[in-house]
Amino acid sequence: MRLNQILIGTVCLVALCACKKCVSVDDLKKIEEKAMRKHGIWQHSISTPSSDATGCPVDLYQNWDSKDEKRSVSPWKYTEVTREGYFPPSYMEAQCLCKGCILKEKNNVIESNDFNSKPLVVSRMFLRRVLCEGGNNGTAKTYKLERVQLDVAVGCICVRTRS
């Protein structure tokens, strides 16, 4: 688990502890902003060389150096996902660029469909804004935060096809 994941989880817990009761939308935003400032976490985007890619980038692997062990055979790009009513409201999610996996066969780099690129999914905690029942008395709506787990793709891996 990376440090930024731990910090976001901490921010969510702080916000949850601070918001067990029903509060206004403005108060919820203040709680979220305070937690973000306190822990020095701001939403950011991840940029990768493949972020604009639309297909499997086999051509980038033509100069494959056998010493390069860090090259992914199942490349991905990040896209921003926004969920209204959730905290944090946006996050980056991986999308696989290839259906198969990039392999080197006889000095040729190919996308092999003998293997599949699959998203690597982890469960992450978010806070969801929930409308409180009956506590409005004709005034502004009030909300509370509840913890939810959502599956988020963080990368892609190469797996054998099912036979």
N, C-alpha and C. Protein backbone atom coordinates (compact mmCIF):
# COMPACT_ATOMS: atom_id res chain seq x y z
N MET A 1 0.85 -1.18 0.00
CA MET A 1 0.00 0.00 0.00
C MET A 1 0.89 1.24 0.00
N ARG A 2 0.61 2.17 -0.88
CA ARG A 2 1.43 3.36 -0.98
C ARG A 2 1.01 4.39 0.05
N LEU A 3 1.94 5.31 0.33
CA LEU A 3 1.72 6.34 1.34
C LEU A 3 0.50 7.18 1.04
N ASN A 4 0.29 7.57 -0.23
CA ASN A 4 -0.86 8.41 -0.54
C ASN A 4 -2.18 7.67 -0.30
N GLN A 5 -2.21 6.34 -0.48
CA GLN A 5 -3.41 5.57 -0.20
C GLN A 5 -3.70 5.58 1.31
N ILE A 6 -2.64 5.43 2.10
CA ILE A 6 -2.80 5.45 3.55
C ILE A 6 -3.30 6.81 4.01
N LEU A 7 -2.74 7.89 3.44
CA LEU A 7 -3.15 9.23 3.83
C LEU A 7 -4.59 9.52 3.44
N ILE A 8 -5.01 9.08 2.26
CA ILE A 8 -6.40 9.29 1.86
C ILE A 8 -7.33 8.52 2.79
N GLY A 9 -6.96 7.30 3.15
CA GLY A 9 -7.75 6.53 4.11
C GLY A 9 -7.85 7.23 5.45
N THR A 10 -6.75 7.83 5.89
CA THR A 10 -6.75 8.57 7.16
C THR A 10 -7.67 9.77 7.08
N VAL A 11 -7.61 10.50 5.96
CA VAL A 11 -8.49 11.65 5.77
C VAL A 11 -9.95 11.22 5.83
N CYS A 12 -10.26 10.11 5.18
CA CYS A 12 -11.64 9.61 5.18
C CYS A 12 -12.09 9.26 6.59
N LEU A 13 -11.22 8.62 7.36
CA LEU A 13 -11.57 8.26 8.73
C LEU A 13 -11.78 9.49 9.60
N VAL A 14 -10.92 10.50 9.44
CA VAL A 14 -11.07 11.74 10.20
C VAL A 14 -12.39 12.40 9.85
N ALA A 15 -12.69 12.46 8.56
CA ALA A 15 -13.95 13.07 8.14
C ALA A 15 -15.14 12.28 8.66
N LEU A 16 -15.04 10.96 8.67
CA LEU A 16 -16.13 10.13 9.15
C LEU A 16 -16.36 10.33 10.64
N CYS A 17 -15.28 10.37 11.41
CA CYS A 17 -15.40 10.58 12.85
C CYS A 17 -16.01 11.95 13.14
N ALA A 18 -15.69 12.93 12.31
CA ALA A 18 -16.19 14.28 12.53
C ALA A 18 -17.63 14.44 12.06
N CYS A 19 -18.17 13.44 11.37
CA CYS A 19 -19.48 13.63 10.76
C CYS A 19 -20.40 12.43 10.99
N LYS A 20 -20.56 12.02 12.24
CA LYS A 20 -21.50 10.94 12.53
C LYS A 20 -22.92 11.48 12.62
N LYS A 21 -23.04 12.78 12.87
CA LYS A 21 -24.35 13.38 12.95
C LYS A 21 -24.71 14.00 11.61
N CYS A 22 -25.95 14.42 11.46
CA CYS A 22 -26.40 15.05 10.23
C CYS A 22 -26.00 16.52 10.22
N VAL A 23 -25.40 16.96 9.11
CA VAL A 23 -24.95 18.34 8.98
C VAL A 23 -25.32 18.86 7.59
N SER A 24 -25.21 20.16 7.42
CA SER A 24 -25.53 20.78 6.13
C SER A 24 -24.44 20.48 5.11
N VAL A 25 -24.76 20.72 3.84
CA VAL A 25 -23.79 20.52 2.76
C VAL A 25 -22.57 21.40 2.99
N ASP A 26 -22.79 22.66 3.39
CA ASP A 26 -21.67 23.56 3.63
C ASP A 26 -20.77 23.04 4.74
N ASP A 27 -21.37 22.50 5.80
CA ASP A 27 -20.57 21.95 6.90
C ASP A 27 -19.80 20.71 6.44
N LEU A 28 -20.43 19.88 5.60
CA LEU A 28 -19.72 18.71 5.06
C LEU A 28 -18.49 19.14 4.27
N LYS A 29 -18.66 20.16 3.43
CA LYS A 29 -17.53 20.65 2.63
C LYS A 29 -16.42 21.18 3.53
N LYS A 30 -16.80 21.86 4.60
CA LYS A 30 -15.79 22.37 5.54
C LYS A 30 -15.04 21.23 6.20
N ILE A 31 -15.75 20.18 6.58
CA ILE A 31 -15.11 19.02 7.20
C ILE A 31 -14.12 18.38 6.23
N GLU A 32 -14.54 18.21 4.98
CA GLU A 32 -13.67 17.62 3.96
C GLU A 32 -12.43 18.49 3.73
N GLU A 33 -12.64 19.80 3.57
CA GLU A 33 -11.51 20.71 3.33
C GLU A 33 -10.55 20.74 4.51
N LYS A 34 -11.09 20.74 5.72
CA LYS A 34 -10.25 20.75 6.92
C LYS A 34 -9.39 19.48 6.97
N ALA A 35 -10.00 18.36 6.69
CA ALA A 35 -9.26 17.10 6.72
C ALA A 35 -8.17 17.09 5.65
N MET A 36 -8.48 17.61 4.46
CA MET A 36 -7.49 17.67 3.39
C MET A 36 -6.33 18.58 3.76
N ARG A 37 -6.64 19.76 4.33
CA ARG A 37 -5.57 20.69 4.73
C ARG A 37 -4.73 20.11 5.85
N LYS A 38 -5.39 19.52 6.83
CA LYS A 38 -4.69 18.99 8.00
C LYS A 38 -3.67 17.93 7.60
N HIS A 39 -4.01 17.11 6.64
CA HIS A 39 -3.13 16.01 6.25
C HIS A 39 -2.33 16.32 4.98
N GLY A 40 -2.47 17.54 4.46
CA GLY A 40 -1.68 17.95 3.30
C GLY A 40 -1.98 17.17 2.04
N ILE A 41 -3.21 16.70 1.91
CA ILE A 41 -3.59 15.90 0.74
C ILE A 41 -4.48 16.75 -0.15
N TRP A 42 -4.10 16.85 -1.39
CA TRP A 42 -4.91 17.55 -2.38
C TRP A 42 -5.11 16.62 -3.55
N GLN A 43 -6.24 16.75 -4.20
CA GLN A 43 -6.50 15.89 -5.35
C GLN A 43 -5.49 16.22 -6.43
N HIS A 44 -5.00 15.21 -7.08
CA HIS A 44 -4.03 15.40 -8.14
C HIS A 44 -4.30 14.37 -9.22
N SER A 45 -3.84 14.69 -10.39
CA SER A 45 -4.00 13.74 -11.47
C SER A 45 -2.66 13.07 -11.73
N ILE A 46 -2.72 11.90 -12.29
CA ILE A 46 -1.52 11.15 -12.62
C ILE A 46 -1.36 11.22 -14.13
N SER A 47 -0.20 11.64 -14.58
CA SER A 47 0.02 11.63 -16.01
C SER A 47 1.04 10.56 -16.35
N THR A 48 0.76 9.83 -17.38
CA THR A 48 1.67 8.79 -17.84
C THR A 48 1.88 8.98 -19.32
N PRO A 49 2.97 8.48 -19.86
CA PRO A 49 3.20 8.62 -21.30
C PRO A 49 2.06 8.05 -22.14
N SER A 50 1.36 7.06 -21.60
CA SER A 50 0.31 6.40 -22.38
C SER A 50 -1.08 6.98 -22.11
N SER A 51 -1.16 8.11 -21.39
CA SER A 51 -2.46 8.61 -20.98
C SER A 51 -3.37 8.99 -22.15
N ASP A 52 -2.79 9.31 -23.31
CA ASP A 52 -3.60 9.64 -24.48
C ASP A 52 -3.78 8.46 -25.42
N ALA A 53 -3.19 7.34 -25.08
CA ALA A 53 -3.23 6.17 -25.97
C ALA A 53 -4.64 5.62 -26.08
N THR A 54 -4.95 5.11 -27.26
CA THR A 54 -6.28 4.52 -27.47
C THR A 54 -6.22 3.05 -27.81
N GLY A 55 -5.06 2.54 -28.12
CA GLY A 55 -4.93 1.13 -28.47
C GLY A 55 -3.67 0.54 -27.88
N CYS A 56 -3.44 -0.71 -28.20
CA CYS A 56 -2.27 -1.42 -27.68
C CYS A 56 -1.00 -0.85 -28.33
N PRO A 57 -0.06 -0.29 -27.54
CA PRO A 57 1.11 0.41 -28.10
C PRO A 57 2.28 -0.51 -28.45
N VAL A 58 2.03 -1.52 -29.28
CA VAL A 58 3.07 -2.49 -29.66
C VAL A 58 4.27 -1.78 -30.28
N ASP A 59 4.03 -0.72 -31.06
CA ASP A 59 5.13 -0.03 -31.74
C ASP A 59 6.14 0.58 -30.77
N LEU A 60 5.72 0.90 -29.55
CA LEU A 60 6.65 1.46 -28.56
C LEU A 60 7.65 0.42 -28.07
N TYR A 61 7.39 -0.85 -28.32
CA TYR A 61 8.23 -1.93 -27.81
C TYR A 61 9.19 -2.48 -28.87
N GLN A 62 9.26 -1.86 -30.03
CA GLN A 62 10.10 -2.38 -31.11
C GLN A 62 11.58 -2.38 -30.75
N ASN A 63 12.02 -1.44 -29.94
CA ASN A 63 13.41 -1.37 -29.51
C ASN A 63 13.56 -2.00 -28.13
N TRP A 64 12.97 -3.13 -27.94
CA TRP A 64 12.95 -3.83 -26.67
C TRP A 64 14.37 -4.19 -26.25
N ASP A 65 14.77 -3.70 -25.12
CA ASP A 65 16.08 -4.01 -24.56
C ASP A 65 15.89 -5.12 -23.54
N SER A 66 16.60 -6.22 -23.72
CA SER A 66 16.42 -7.36 -22.82
C SER A 66 16.78 -7.02 -21.38
N LYS A 67 17.54 -5.95 -21.16
CA LYS A 67 17.91 -5.54 -19.81
C LYS A 67 16.79 -4.77 -19.12
N ASP A 68 15.83 -4.34 -19.88
CA ASP A 68 14.75 -3.53 -19.33
C ASP A 68 13.69 -4.44 -18.71
N GLU A 69 13.82 -4.66 -17.40
CA GLU A 69 12.90 -5.58 -16.71
C GLU A 69 11.67 -4.86 -16.16
N LYS A 70 11.64 -3.57 -16.31
CA LYS A 70 10.54 -2.81 -15.73
C LYS A 70 9.42 -2.52 -16.72
N ARG A 71 9.56 -2.97 -17.94
CA ARG A 71 8.54 -2.71 -18.96
C ARG A 71 7.33 -3.62 -18.73
N SER A 72 6.14 -3.03 -18.73
CA SER A 72 4.92 -3.81 -18.54
C SER A 72 4.53 -4.48 -19.85
N VAL A 73 4.18 -5.75 -19.78
CA VAL A 73 3.68 -6.46 -20.97
C VAL A 73 2.16 -6.32 -21.07
N SER A 74 1.59 -5.60 -20.10
CA SER A 74 0.17 -5.33 -20.09
C SER A 74 -0.02 -3.84 -19.74
N PRO A 75 0.27 -2.94 -20.70
CA PRO A 75 0.26 -1.51 -20.40
C PRO A 75 -1.15 -0.97 -20.13
N TRP A 76 -1.20 0.16 -19.43
CA TRP A 76 -2.47 0.79 -19.10
C TRP A 76 -2.33 2.30 -19.16
N LYS A 77 -3.48 2.97 -19.13
CA LYS A 77 -3.52 4.42 -19.00
C LYS A 77 -4.43 4.74 -17.83
N TYR A 78 -4.28 5.94 -17.29
CA TYR A 78 -5.13 6.38 -16.18
C TYR A 78 -6.20 7.32 -16.71
N THR A 79 -7.41 7.15 -16.20
CA THR A 79 -8.49 8.08 -16.50
C THR A 79 -9.08 8.55 -15.18
N GLU A 80 -9.57 9.76 -15.20
CA GLU A 80 -10.15 10.32 -13.99
C GLU A 80 -11.62 9.91 -13.89
N VAL A 81 -11.99 9.42 -12.73
CA VAL A 81 -13.37 9.02 -12.45
C VAL A 81 -13.92 9.99 -11.42
N THR A 82 -15.11 10.54 -11.69
CA THR A 82 -15.75 11.46 -10.74
C THR A 82 -17.06 10.85 -10.28
N ARG A 83 -17.25 10.84 -8.98
CA ARG A 83 -18.49 10.32 -8.39
C ARG A 83 -19.08 11.41 -7.50
N GLU A 84 -20.17 11.99 -7.94
CA GLU A 84 -20.84 13.02 -7.14
C GLU A 84 -21.37 12.39 -5.86
N GLY A 85 -21.26 13.11 -4.78
CA GLY A 85 -21.75 12.61 -3.50
C GLY A 85 -20.78 11.71 -2.77
N TYR A 86 -19.57 11.57 -3.29
CA TYR A 86 -18.54 10.75 -2.65
C TYR A 86 -17.37 11.63 -2.25
N PHE A 87 -16.64 11.18 -1.25
CA PHE A 87 -15.41 11.85 -0.83
C PHE A 87 -14.31 10.82 -0.74
N PRO A 88 -13.18 11.00 -1.42
CA PRO A 88 -12.94 12.08 -2.37
C PRO A 88 -13.83 11.93 -3.60
N PRO A 89 -14.20 13.05 -4.23
CA PRO A 89 -15.13 12.99 -5.35
C PRO A 89 -14.53 12.48 -6.65
N SER A 90 -13.21 12.52 -6.77
CA SER A 90 -12.60 12.01 -8.00
C SER A 90 -11.32 11.26 -7.67
N TYR A 91 -10.99 10.32 -8.54
CA TYR A 91 -9.79 9.51 -8.37
C TYR A 91 -9.36 9.00 -9.74
N MET A 92 -8.14 8.49 -9.80
CA MET A 92 -7.61 7.97 -11.06
C MET A 92 -7.79 6.46 -11.09
N GLU A 93 -8.21 5.95 -12.26
CA GLU A 93 -8.41 4.52 -12.42
C GLU A 93 -7.70 4.05 -13.70
N ALA A 94 -7.10 2.86 -13.62
CA ALA A 94 -6.36 2.30 -14.75
C ALA A 94 -7.31 1.64 -15.75
N GLN A 95 -6.97 1.78 -17.04
CA GLN A 95 -7.67 1.08 -18.11
C GLN A 95 -6.63 0.37 -18.96
N CYS A 96 -6.82 -0.92 -19.16
CA CYS A 96 -5.87 -1.71 -19.96
C CYS A 96 -5.92 -1.25 -21.41
N LEU A 97 -4.73 -1.14 -22.03
CA LEU A 97 -4.65 -0.71 -23.43
C LEU A 97 -4.69 -1.87 -24.41
N CYS A 98 -4.39 -3.08 -23.94
CA CYS A 98 -4.33 -4.24 -24.82
C CYS A 98 -5.32 -5.30 -24.35
N LYS A 99 -5.87 -6.06 -25.30
CA LYS A 99 -6.67 -7.24 -24.93
C LYS A 99 -5.74 -8.38 -24.57
N GLY A 100 -4.68 -8.54 -25.35
CA GLY A 100 -3.67 -9.56 -25.08
C GLY A 100 -2.51 -8.95 -24.32
N CYS A 101 -1.34 -9.60 -24.40
CA CYS A 101 -0.14 -9.11 -23.74
C CYS A 101 0.96 -8.93 -24.77
N ILE A 102 1.84 -7.98 -24.53
CA ILE A 102 2.93 -7.70 -25.47
C ILE A 102 4.08 -8.66 -25.20
N LEU A 103 4.45 -9.42 -26.23
CA LEU A 103 5.52 -10.41 -26.11
C LEU A 103 6.51 -10.25 -27.25
N LYS A 104 7.72 -10.75 -27.02
CA LYS A 104 8.73 -10.75 -28.07
C LYS A 104 8.91 -12.17 -28.56
N GLU A 105 8.67 -12.38 -29.85
CA GLU A 105 8.83 -13.70 -30.46
C GLU A 105 9.70 -13.56 -31.70
N LYS A 106 10.85 -14.22 -31.70
CA LYS A 106 11.76 -14.22 -32.85
C LYS A 106 12.04 -12.80 -33.36
N ASN A 107 12.50 -11.94 -32.51
CA ASN A 107 12.84 -10.55 -32.84
C ASN A 107 11.65 -9.70 -33.26
N ASN A 108 10.45 -10.19 -33.12
CA ASN A 108 9.25 -9.41 -33.40
C ASN A 108 8.49 -9.17 -32.11
N VAL A 109 8.02 -7.96 -31.94
CA VAL A 109 7.18 -7.63 -30.79
C VAL A 109 5.74 -7.69 -31.25
N ILE A 110 4.93 -8.50 -30.56
CA ILE A 110 3.54 -8.71 -30.97
C ILE A 110 2.62 -8.62 -29.77
N GLU A 111 1.35 -8.42 -30.05
CA GLU A 111 0.33 -8.55 -29.02
C GLU A 111 -0.18 -9.98 -29.13
N SER A 112 0.10 -10.78 -28.11
CA SER A 112 -0.29 -12.18 -28.12
C SER A 112 -1.63 -12.36 -27.43
N ASN A 113 -2.55 -13.02 -28.13
CA ASN A 113 -3.84 -13.32 -27.53
C ASN A 113 -3.85 -14.66 -26.81
N ASP A 114 -2.64 -15.26 -26.68
CA ASP A 114 -2.52 -16.46 -25.84
C ASP A 114 -2.59 -16.07 -24.37
N PHE A 115 -2.47 -14.78 -24.10
CA PHE A 115 -2.56 -14.23 -22.76
C PHE A 115 -3.55 -13.07 -22.79
N ASN A 116 -4.07 -12.70 -21.62
CA ASN A 116 -5.02 -11.60 -21.52
C ASN A 116 -4.49 -10.52 -20.58
N SER A 117 -4.76 -9.27 -20.93
CA SER A 117 -4.51 -8.15 -20.01
C SER A 117 -5.76 -7.97 -19.17
N LYS A 118 -5.58 -7.98 -17.87
CA LYS A 118 -6.71 -7.84 -16.94
C LYS A 118 -6.42 -6.72 -15.94
N PRO A 119 -7.44 -5.96 -15.55
CA PRO A 119 -7.23 -4.92 -14.54
C PRO A 119 -6.86 -5.54 -13.19
N LEU A 120 -5.94 -4.89 -12.51
CA LEU A 120 -5.58 -5.25 -11.14
C LEU A 120 -6.44 -4.36 -10.25
N VAL A 121 -7.37 -4.97 -9.54
CA VAL A 121 -8.38 -4.23 -8.79
C VAL A 121 -8.12 -4.33 -7.29
N VAL A 122 -8.23 -3.19 -6.62
CA VAL A 122 -8.13 -3.16 -5.16
C VAL A 122 -9.39 -2.49 -4.61
N SER A 123 -9.71 -2.83 -3.39
CA SER A 123 -10.86 -2.23 -2.72
C SER A 123 -10.38 -1.00 -1.96
N ARG A 124 -11.02 0.14 -2.20
CA ARG A 124 -10.65 1.38 -1.52
C ARG A 124 -11.85 1.95 -0.79
N MET A 125 -11.55 2.60 0.34
CA MET A 125 -12.61 3.18 1.14
C MET A 125 -12.92 4.60 0.66
N PHE A 126 -14.20 4.89 0.53
CA PHE A 126 -14.69 6.22 0.20
C PHE A 126 -15.77 6.57 1.22
N LEU A 127 -16.11 7.83 1.29
CA LEU A 127 -17.24 8.28 2.09
C LEU A 127 -18.34 8.72 1.14
N ARG A 128 -19.55 8.25 1.42
CA ARG A 128 -20.70 8.61 0.58
C ARG A 128 -21.61 9.52 1.38
N ARG A 129 -22.04 10.59 0.73
CA ARG A 129 -22.96 11.54 1.35
C ARG A 129 -24.36 10.95 1.32
N VAL A 130 -24.99 10.84 2.49
CA VAL A 130 -26.32 10.24 2.59
C VAL A 130 -27.28 11.27 3.19
N LEU A 131 -28.43 11.44 2.54
CA LEU A 131 -29.44 12.38 3.03
C LEU A 131 -30.04 11.86 4.32
N CYS A 132 -30.09 12.71 5.33
CA CYS A 132 -30.68 12.32 6.62
C CYS A 132 -32.20 12.36 6.51
N GLU A 133 -32.84 11.42 7.17
CA GLU A 133 -34.31 11.34 7.13
C GLU A 133 -34.92 12.10 8.30
N GLY A 134 -35.93 12.91 8.01
CA GLY A 134 -36.75 13.52 9.04
C GLY A 134 -36.12 14.63 9.85
N GLY A 135 -34.88 14.97 9.67
CA GLY A 135 -34.27 15.98 10.51
C GLY A 135 -34.27 17.38 9.93
N ASN A 136 -35.01 17.61 8.87
CA ASN A 136 -34.92 18.89 8.18
C ASN A 136 -35.83 19.97 8.76
N ASN A 137 -37.01 19.62 9.22
CA ASN A 137 -37.96 20.58 9.79
C ASN A 137 -38.18 21.80 8.89
N GLY A 138 -38.28 21.56 7.59
CA GLY A 138 -38.52 22.65 6.65
C GLY A 138 -37.30 23.49 6.33
N THR A 139 -36.16 23.15 6.88
CA THR A 139 -34.93 23.92 6.60
C THR A 139 -34.12 23.20 5.52
N ALA A 140 -32.90 23.62 5.38
CA ALA A 140 -32.02 23.02 4.38
C ALA A 140 -31.81 21.53 4.67
N LYS A 141 -31.57 20.77 3.62
CA LYS A 141 -31.32 19.34 3.77
C LYS A 141 -30.03 19.11 4.55
N THR A 142 -30.03 18.01 5.32
CA THR A 142 -28.82 17.65 6.07
C THR A 142 -28.35 16.27 5.63
N TYR A 143 -27.06 16.06 5.80
CA TYR A 143 -26.43 14.83 5.33
C TYR A 143 -25.50 14.27 6.40
N LYS A 144 -25.20 12.99 6.25
CA LYS A 144 -24.15 12.37 7.04
C LYS A 144 -23.28 11.57 6.07
N LEU A 145 -22.11 11.19 6.53
CA LEU A 145 -21.19 10.42 5.70
C LEU A 145 -21.19 8.97 6.15
N GLU A 146 -21.22 8.06 5.18
CA GLU A 146 -21.10 6.64 5.51
C GLU A 146 -19.96 6.04 4.71
N ARG A 147 -19.25 5.11 5.33
CA ARG A 147 -18.12 4.45 4.67
C ARG A 147 -18.62 3.43 3.67
N VAL A 148 -17.99 3.41 2.49
CA VAL A 148 -18.28 2.40 1.47
C VAL A 148 -16.97 1.94 0.86
N GLN A 149 -16.93 0.69 0.43
CA GLN A 149 -15.77 0.14 -0.26
C GLN A 149 -16.10 0.05 -1.74
N LEU A 150 -15.22 0.59 -2.57
CA LEU A 150 -15.39 0.51 -4.02
C LEU A 150 -14.17 -0.15 -4.63
N ASP A 151 -14.39 -0.98 -5.65
CA ASP A 151 -13.28 -1.59 -6.37
C ASP A 151 -12.73 -0.58 -7.37
N VAL A 152 -11.39 -0.40 -7.35
CA VAL A 152 -10.72 0.55 -8.23
C VAL A 152 -9.57 -0.17 -8.93
N ALA A 153 -9.51 -0.07 -10.26
CA ALA A 153 -8.39 -0.66 -11.02
C ALA A 153 -7.18 0.25 -10.87
N VAL A 154 -6.05 -0.32 -10.42
CA VAL A 154 -4.83 0.46 -10.19
C VAL A 154 -3.75 0.17 -11.22
N GLY A 155 -3.93 -0.82 -12.05
CA GLY A 155 -2.96 -1.19 -13.08
C GLY A 155 -3.51 -2.38 -13.85
N CYS A 156 -2.69 -2.96 -14.71
CA CYS A 156 -3.10 -4.14 -15.47
C CYS A 156 -2.03 -5.21 -15.38
N ILE A 157 -2.46 -6.45 -15.41
CA ILE A 157 -1.54 -7.58 -15.34
C ILE A 157 -1.81 -8.52 -16.50
N CYS A 158 -0.82 -9.32 -16.81
CA CYS A 158 -0.92 -10.30 -17.89
C CYS A 158 -1.23 -11.66 -17.28
N VAL A 159 -2.30 -12.30 -17.75
CA VAL A 159 -2.69 -13.61 -17.22
C VAL A 159 -2.88 -14.60 -18.37
N ARG A 160 -2.76 -15.88 -18.04
CA ARG A 160 -3.02 -16.92 -19.05
C ARG A 160 -4.50 -16.95 -19.37
N THR A 161 -4.82 -17.28 -20.62
CA THR A 161 -6.22 -17.40 -21.00
C THR A 161 -6.82 -18.64 -20.36
N ARG A 162 -8.11 -18.60 -20.15
CA ARG A 162 -8.80 -19.79 -19.63
C ARG A 162 -8.99 -20.76 -20.77
N SER A 163 -8.73 -22.04 -20.49
CA SER A 163 -8.88 -23.02 -21.58
C SER A 163 -10.05 -23.93 -21.36
